[in-house]
Structure formats: C-alpha cells, structure tokens
PDB file of N, CA and C in Angstrom:
ATOM      1  N   MET A   1      90.173 109.476  94.099  1.00  0.00           N
ATOM      2  CA  MET A   1      90.484 110.628  93.591  1.00  0.00           C
ATOM      3  C   MET A   1      91.867 110.919  94.117  1.00  0.00           C
ATOM      4  N   ASN A   2      92.512 111.445  93.150  1.00  0.00           N
ATOM      5  CA  ASN A   2      94.090 111.493  93.827  1.00  0.00           C
ATOM      6  C   ASN A   2      94.400 112.872  92.980  1.00  0.00           C
ATOM      7  N   PHE A   3      94.381 113.872  93.661  1.00  0.00           N
ATOM      8  CA  PHE A   3      94.254 115.425  93.143  1.00  0.00           C
ATOM      9  C   PHE A   3      95.042 116.009  93.881  1.00  0.00           C
ATOM     10  N   PRO A   4      95.950 116.945  93.933  1.00  0.00           N
ATOM     11  CA  PRO A   4      96.770 118.047  94.882  1.00  0.00           C
ATOM     12  C   PRO A   4      95.513 118.838  95.700  1.00  0.00           C
ATOM     13  N   ALA A   5      95.526 119.024  97.046  1.00  0.00           N
ATOM     14  CA  ALA A   5      94.585 119.700  97.164  1.00  0.00           C
ATOM     15  C   ALA A   5      94.188 121.418  96.861  1.00  0.00           C
ATOM     16  N   SER A   6      95.283 121.808  96.384  1.00  0.00           N
ATOM     17  CA  SER A   6      95.286 123.311  95.839  1.00  0.00           C
ATOM     18  C   SER A   6      94.544 123.081  94.855  1.00  0.00           C
ATOM     19  N   MET A   7      94.387 122.313  94.254  1.00  0.00           N
ATOM     20  CA  MET A   7      93.209 122.082  92.672  1.00  0.00           C
ATOM     21  C   MET A   7      91.846 121.754  93.395  1.00  0.00           C
ATOM     22  N   VAL A   8      91.738 121.338  94.085  1.00  0.00           N
ATOM     23  CA  VAL A   8      90.480 120.685  94.369  1.00  0.00           C
ATOM     24  C   VAL A   8      89.823 122.221  95.351  1.00  0.00           C
ATOM     25  N   LEU A   9      90.640 122.660  96.377  1.00  0.00           N
ATOM     26  CA  LEU A   9      90.095 124.161  96.592  1.00  0.00           C
ATOM     27  C   LEU A   9      89.959 125.133  95.923  1.00  0.00           C
ATOM     28  N   SER A  10      90.674 124.890  94.889  1.00  0.00           N
ATOM     29  CA  SER A  10      90.635 126.041  93.740  1.00  0.00           C
ATOM     30  C   SER A  10      89.415 126.024  93.259  1.00  0.00           C
ATOM     31  N   VAL A  11      88.973 124.647  92.721  1.00  0.00           N
ATOM     32  CA  VAL A  11      87.657 124.380  92.100  1.00  0.00           C
ATOM     33  C   VAL A  11      86.421 124.951  92.901  1.00  0.00           C
ATOM     34  N   LEU A  12      86.530 124.323  94.177  1.00  0.00           N
ATOM     35  CA  LEU A  12      85.263 124.725  95.170  1.00  0.00           C
ATOM     36  C   LEU A  12      85.356 126.353  95.502  1.00  0.00           C
ATOM     37  N   GLU A  13      86.498 127.042  95.801  1.00  0.00           N
ATOM     38  CA  GLU A  13      86.456 128.356  95.720  1.00  0.00           C
ATOM     39  C   GLU A  13      85.940 129.513  94.527  1.00  0.00           C
ATOM     40  N   ILE A  14      86.349 129.058  93.506  1.00  0.00           N
ATOM     41  CA  ILE A  14      85.974 129.337  92.233  1.00  0.00           C
ATOM     42  C   ILE A  14      83.921 129.324  92.273  1.00  0.00           C
ATOM     43  N   LEU A  15      83.585 128.180  92.591  1.00  0.00           N
ATOM     44  CA  LEU A  15      82.228 128.070  92.646  1.00  0.00           C
ATOM     45  C   LEU A  15      81.402 129.116  93.801  1.00  0.00           C
ATOM     46  N   THR A  16      82.258 129.199  94.622  1.00  0.00           N
ATOM     47  CA  THR A  16      81.678 130.008  96.008  1.00  0.00           C
ATOM     48  C   THR A  16      81.433 131.640  94.948  1.00  0.00           C
ATOM     49  N   TYR A  17      82.363 131.802  94.250  1.00  0.00           N
ATOM     50  CA  TYR A  17      82.146 133.278  93.656  1.00  0.00           C
ATOM     51  C   TYR A  17      81.210 133.180  92.333  1.00  0.00           C
ATOM     52  N   ASP A  18      81.322 131.997  91.930  1.00  0.00           N
ATOM     53  CA  ASP A  18      80.186 131.633  90.375  1.00  0.00           C
ATOM     54  C   ASP A  18      79.398 130.702  90.805  1.00  0.00           C
ATOM     55  N   THR A  19      78.188 130.958  90.498  1.00  0.00           N
ATOM     56  CA  THR A  19      77.075 130.056  90.743  1.00  0.00           C
ATOM     57  C   THR A  19      77.196 128.559  90.023  1.00  0.00           C
ATOM     58  N   TYR A  20      77.726 128.813  88.796  1.00  0.00           N
ATOM     59  CA  TYR A  20      78.012 127.423  88.089  1.00  0.00           C
ATOM     60  C   TYR A  20      79.330 127.641  87.665  1.00  0.00           C
ATOM     61  N   LEU A  21      80.015 126.365  87.352  1.00  0.00           N
ATOM     62  CA  LEU A  21      81.068 126.301  86.655  1.00  0.00           C
ATOM     63  C   LEU A  21      81.251 125.247  85.575  1.00  0.00           C
ATOM     64  N   THR A  22      81.297 125.578  84.292  1.00  0.00           N
ATOM     65  CA  THR A  22      81.272 124.535  83.124  1.00  0.00           C
ATOM     66  C   THR A  22      82.639 123.890  83.220  1.00  0.00           C
ATOM     67  N   ILE A  23      82.737 122.564  82.812  1.00  0.00           N
ATOM     68  CA  ILE A  23      83.858 121.769  82.706  1.00  0.00           C
ATOM     69  C   ILE A  23      84.880 122.243  82.006  1.00  0.00           C
ATOM     70  N   THR A  24      84.718 123.309  80.904  1.00  0.00           N
ATOM     71  CA  THR A  24      85.967 123.876  80.435  1.00  0.00           C
ATOM     72  C   THR A  24      86.660 125.263  81.022  1.00  0.00           C
ATOM     73  N   ARG A  25      85.809 125.399  82.412  1.00  0.00           N
ATOM     74  CA  ARG A  25      86.392 126.559  83.191  1.00  0.00           C
ATOM     75  C   ARG A  25      87.126 125.752  84.447  1.00  0.00           C
ATOM     76  N   PHE A  26      87.223 124.650  84.367  1.00  0.00           N
ATOM     77  CA  PHE A  26      87.982 124.061  85.702  1.00  0.00           C
ATOM     78  C   PHE A  26      89.464 124.752  85.623  1.00  0.00           C
ATOM     79  N   PRO A  27      90.274 124.847  86.550  1.00  0.00           N
ATOM     80  CA  PRO A  27      91.503 125.117  86.615  1.00  0.00           C
ATOM     81  C   PRO A  27      92.426 123.810  86.494  1.00  0.00           C
ATOM     82  N   CYS A  28      92.819 123.193  85.402  1.00  0.00           N
ATOM     83  CA  CYS A  28      93.528 122.374  85.372  1.00  0.00           C
ATOM     84  C   CYS A  28      93.734 122.005  83.948  1.00  0.00           C
ATOM     85  N   SER A  29      94.553 120.973  83.736  1.00  0.00           N
ATOM     86  CA  SER A  29      94.809 120.585  82.261  1.00  0.00           C
ATOM     87  C   SER A  29      93.637 119.685  81.422  1.00  0.00           C
ATOM     88  N   VAL A  30      93.211 119.864  80.305  1.00  0.00           N
ATOM     89  CA  VAL A  30      92.143 119.147  80.005  1.00  0.00           C
ATOM     90  C   VAL A  30      92.468 117.666  80.198  1.00  0.00           C
ATOM     91  N   THR A  31      93.285 117.216  80.238  1.00  0.00           N
ATOM     92  CA  THR A  31      93.340 115.717  80.445  1.00  0.00           C
ATOM     93  C   THR A  31      92.644 115.199  81.523  1.00  0.00           C
ATOM     94  N   ILE A  32      92.612 116.158  82.893  1.00  0.00           N
ATOM     95  CA  ILE A  32      92.229 115.713  83.961  1.00  0.00           C
ATOM     96  C   ILE A  32      91.026 116.243  84.190  1.00  0.00           C
ATOM     97  N   ARG A  33      90.430 117.015  83.450  1.00  0.00           N
ATOM     98  CA  ARG A  33      89.064 117.873  83.867  1.00  0.00           C
ATOM     99  C   ARG A  33      87.796 116.699  84.194  1.00  0.00           C
ATOM    100  N   GLU A  34      87.437 116.022  83.284  1.00  0.00           N
ATOM    101  CA  GLU A  34      86.354 115.102  83.603  1.00  0.00           C
ATOM    102  C   GLU A  34      86.663 114.313  84.754  1.00  0.00           C
ATOM    103  N   GLU A  35      88.015 113.699  85.269  1.00  0.00           N
ATOM    104  CA  GLU A  35      88.122 112.649  86.494  1.00  0.00           C
ATOM    105  C   GLU A  35      88.283 113.755  87.427  1.00  0.00           C
ATOM    106  N   LEU A  36      88.572 114.728  87.454  1.00  0.00           N
ATOM    107  CA  LEU A  36      88.451 115.707  88.426  1.00  0.00           C
ATOM    108  C   LEU A  36      87.018 115.944  88.924  1.00  0.00           C
ATOM    109  N   ALA A  37      86.369 116.307  87.940  1.00  0.00           N
ATOM    110  CA  ALA A  37      84.907 116.783  88.163  1.00  0.00           C
ATOM    111  C   ALA A  37      83.884 115.292  88.453  1.00  0.00           C
ATOM    112  N   GLU A  38      84.390 114.121  87.972  1.00  0.00           N
ATOM    113  CA  GLU A  38      83.712 113.149  88.612  1.00  0.00           C
ATOM    114  C   GLU A  38      84.183 112.899  90.015  1.00  0.00           C
ATOM    115  N   GLY A  39      85.294 112.953  90.371  1.00  0.00           N
ATOM    116  CA  GLY A  39      85.733 112.506  91.658  1.00  0.00           C
ATOM    117  C   GLY A  39      85.030 113.336  92.514  1.00  0.00           C
ATOM    118  N   LEU A  40      84.892 115.094  92.063  1.00  0.00           N
ATOM    119  CA  LEU A  40      84.158 115.586  93.257  1.00  0.00           C
ATOM    120  C   LEU A  40      82.838 115.369  93.367  1.00  0.00           C
ATOM    121  N   VAL A  41      82.084 115.031  92.357  1.00  0.00           N
ATOM    122  CA  VAL A  41      80.656 114.428  92.333  1.00  0.00           C
ATOM    123  C   VAL A  41      80.771 113.558  93.218  1.00  0.00           C
ATOM    124  N   ASN A  42      81.774 112.173  92.863  1.00  0.00           N
ATOM    125  CA  ASN A  42      81.240 111.077  94.160  1.00  0.00           C
ATOM    126  C   ASN A  42      81.502 111.418  95.283  1.00  0.00           C
ATOM    127  N   VAL A  43      82.428 112.515  95.888  1.00  0.00           N
ATOM    128  CA  VAL A  43      83.008 112.588  97.012  1.00  0.00           C
ATOM    129  C   VAL A  43      81.834 113.602  97.414  1.00  0.00           C
ATOM    130  N   GLY A  44      80.928 114.255  96.830  1.00  0.00           N
ATOM    131  CA  GLY A  44      79.603 115.079  97.323  1.00  0.00           C
ATOM    132  C   GLY A  44      80.101 116.509  97.553  1.00  0.00           C
ATOM    133  N   PHE A  45      81.185 117.191  96.643  1.00  0.00           N
ATOM    134  CA  PHE A  45      81.482 118.315  96.988  1.00  0.00           C
ATOM    135  C   PHE A  45      80.667 119.377  96.128  1.00  0.00           C
ATOM    136  N   ILE A  46      80.620 118.498  94.740  1.00  0.00           N
ATOM    137  CA  ILE A  46      79.782 119.419  93.463  1.00  0.00           C
ATOM    138  C   ILE A  46      78.631 118.433  93.177  1.00  0.00           C
ATOM    139  N   GLU A  47      78.107 118.995  92.683  1.00  0.00           N
ATOM    140  CA  GLU A  47      77.165 118.514  91.565  1.00  0.00           C
ATOM    141  C   GLU A  47      76.622 118.983  90.567  1.00  0.00           C
ATOM    142  N   LEU A  48      76.123 118.272  89.420  1.00  0.00           N
ATOM    143  CA  LEU A  48      76.118 118.564  88.196  1.00  0.00           C
ATOM    144  C   LEU A  48      74.520 118.946  88.055  1.00  0.00           C
ATOM    145  N   CYS A  49      74.273 120.343  87.239  1.00  0.00           N
ATOM    146  CA  CYS A  49      73.292 120.954  87.026  1.00  0.00           C
ATOM    147  C   CYS A  49      73.007 121.095  85.681  1.00  0.00           C
ATOM    148  N   ASP A  50      71.703 121.617  85.465  1.00  0.00           N
ATOM    149  CA  ASP A  50      71.798 122.170  83.870  1.00  0.00           C
ATOM    150  C   ASP A  50      72.755 122.836  83.390  1.00  0.00           C
ATOM    151  N   PRO A  51      73.078 124.236  84.005  1.00  0.00           N
ATOM    152  CA  PRO A  51      74.130 124.838  83.414  1.00  0.00           C
ATOM    153  C   PRO A  51      75.200 124.881  83.512  1.00  0.00           C
ATOM    154  N   GLY A  52      75.816 123.592  84.623  1.00  0.00           N
ATOM    155  CA  GLY A  52      77.053 123.519  84.688  1.00  0.00           C
ATOM    156  C   GLY A  52      77.196 122.765  86.385  1.00  0.00           C
ATOM    157  N   TYR A  53      78.444 122.726  86.678  1.00  0.00           N
ATOM    158  CA  TYR A  53      78.525 122.352  88.274  1.00  0.00           C
ATOM    159  C   TYR A  53      78.468 123.169  89.219  1.00  0.00           C
ATOM    160  N   ARG A  54      77.855 122.658  90.466  1.00  0.00           N
ATOM    161  CA  ARG A  54      77.572 123.818  91.469  1.00  0.00           C
ATOM    162  C   ARG A  54      78.253 123.253  92.833  1.00  0.00           C
ATOM    163  N   ILE A  55      78.631 123.960  93.716  1.00  0.00           N
ATOM    164  CA  ILE A  55      78.852 123.501  94.930  1.00  0.00           C
ATOM    165  C   ILE A  55      77.864 123.176  95.775  1.00  0.00           C
ATOM    166  N   THR A  56      78.279 121.957  96.870  1.00  0.00           N
ATOM    167  CA  THR A  56      76.965 121.292  97.524  1.00  0.00           C
ATOM    168  C   THR A  56      77.468 121.998  99.010  1.00  0.00           C
ATOM    169  N   THR A  57      76.706 121.758 100.070  1.00  0.00           N
ATOM    170  CA  THR A  57      76.654 122.215 101.171  1.00  0.00           C
ATOM    171  C   THR A  57      77.926 121.605 101.957  1.00  0.00           C
ATOM    172  N   LEU A  58      78.055 120.075 101.672  1.00  0.00           N
ATOM    173  CA  LEU A  58      79.604 119.462 101.824  1.00  0.00           C
ATOM    174  C   LEU A  58      80.466 120.062 101.467  1.00  0.00           C
ATOM    175  N   GLY A  59      80.867 120.398 100.143  1.00  0.00           N
ATOM    176  CA  GLY A  59      81.600 121.188  99.549  1.00  0.00           C
ATOM    177  C   GLY A  59      82.212 122.437 100.162  1.00  0.00           C
ATOM    178  N   GLU A  60      80.808 123.278 100.586  1.00  0.00           N
ATOM    179  CA  GLU A  60      81.138 124.532 101.474  1.00  0.00           C
ATOM    180  C   GLU A  60      81.814 124.242 102.520  1.00  0.00           C
ATOM    181  N   LYS A  61      81.283 123.120 103.452  1.00  0.00           N
ATOM    182  CA  LYS A  61      81.775 122.816 104.949  1.00  0.00           C
ATOM    183  C   LYS A  61      83.229 122.377 104.493  1.00  0.00           C
ATOM    184  N   PHE A  62      83.381 121.934 103.829  1.00  0.00           N
ATOM    185  CA  PHE A  62      85.087 121.344 103.565  1.00  0.00           C
ATOM    186  C   PHE A  62      86.075 122.431 103.116  1.00  0.00           C
ATOM    187  N   LEU A  63      85.591 123.488 102.275  1.00  0.00           N
ATOM    188  CA  LEU A  63      86.356 124.823 101.876  1.00  0.00           C
ATOM    189  C   LEU A  63      86.362 125.605 103.313  1.00  0.00           C
ATOM    190  N   ASN A  64      85.373 125.742 104.076  1.00  0.00           N
ATOM    191  CA  ASN A  64      85.345 126.369 105.514  1.00  0.00           C
ATOM    192  C   ASN A  64      86.418 125.983 106.028  1.00  0.00           C
ATOM    193  N   ILE A  65      86.270 124.696 106.044  1.00  0.00           N
ATOM    194  CA  ILE A  65      87.265 123.980 107.266  1.00  0.00           C
ATOM    195  C   ILE A  65      88.752 124.462 106.730  1.00  0.00           C
ATOM    196  N   SER A  66      88.825 124.333 105.486  1.00  0.00           N
ATOM    197  CA  SER A  66      90.242 124.345 104.951  1.00  0.00           C
ATOM    198  C   SER A  66      90.785 125.695 105.030  1.00  0.00           C
ATOM    199  N   LYS A  67      89.891 126.848 104.810  1.00  0.00           N
ATOM    200  CA  LYS A  67      90.095 128.124 105.182  1.00  0.00           C
ATOM    201  C   LYS A  67      90.292 128.422 106.567  1.00  0.00           C
ATOM    202  N   ASN A  68      89.828 127.811 107.683  1.00  0.00           N
ATOM    203  CA  ASN A  68      90.037 128.048 108.931  1.00  0.00           C
ATOM    204  C   ASN A  68      91.442 127.542 109.684  1.00  0.00           C
ATOM    205  N   LYS A  69      91.987 126.663 108.802  1.00  0.00           N
ATOM    206  CA  LYS A  69      93.279 125.956 108.898  1.00  0.00           C
ATOM    207  C   LYS A  69      92.839 124.803 110.146  1.00  0.00           C
ATOM    208  N   SER A  70      91.754 124.286 109.903  1.00  0.00           N
ATOM    209  CA  SER A  70      91.476 122.975 110.788  1.00  0.00           C
ATOM    210  C   SER A  70      91.681 121.831 110.127  1.00  0.00           C
ATOM    211  N   ASN A  71      91.770 120.562 110.705  1.00  0.00           N
ATOM    212  CA  ASN A  71      91.846 119.438 110.423  1.00  0.00           C
ATOM    213  C   ASN A  71      90.965 119.079 109.062  1.00  0.00           C
ATOM    214  N   ILE A  72      91.405 118.507 108.075  1.00  0.00           N
ATOM    215  CA  ILE A  72      90.495 118.329 107.076  1.00  0.00           C
ATOM    216  C   ILE A  72      90.234 116.760 107.138  1.00  0.00           C
TER     217      ILE A  72
END
C-alpha cells in the first residue's frame, strides 16, 4: 500500500464520525478507491461489512496515535 498518510488518515477520520463508508465516498480519485480500500482492509485498519466499510480497533488506535503526534 503506497498512499499519502493524509489520505489514509482522512478515511479513518471519516469513519470515526460515520459508522459506515461506501466506496464512492472515499476522499480520493475514482481510479484508486478500490486499491486504497483493499490496502486498508489488508492492513487491518478497516473491514468490509454489509452496509459498507467500518473502522477496526487497530484503525482507531492508529488514528489516535497520529492525532497525539506520537511515532507511527
């Protein structure tokens, strides 16, 4: 997975406010949405559920560490 950290953090932050996120609402271009979603699922930051993607515990931990300006 080779995406800017700001894009990854943006997806995770959106998921903390919205319970689920559909692939069409990912904050990136259409050409990389599926690759980004698959990468985040493979890393364990999000998971695919029936209504869409949702953040996992690992994803929340990663997001909290990044907000606290700790080493990621």
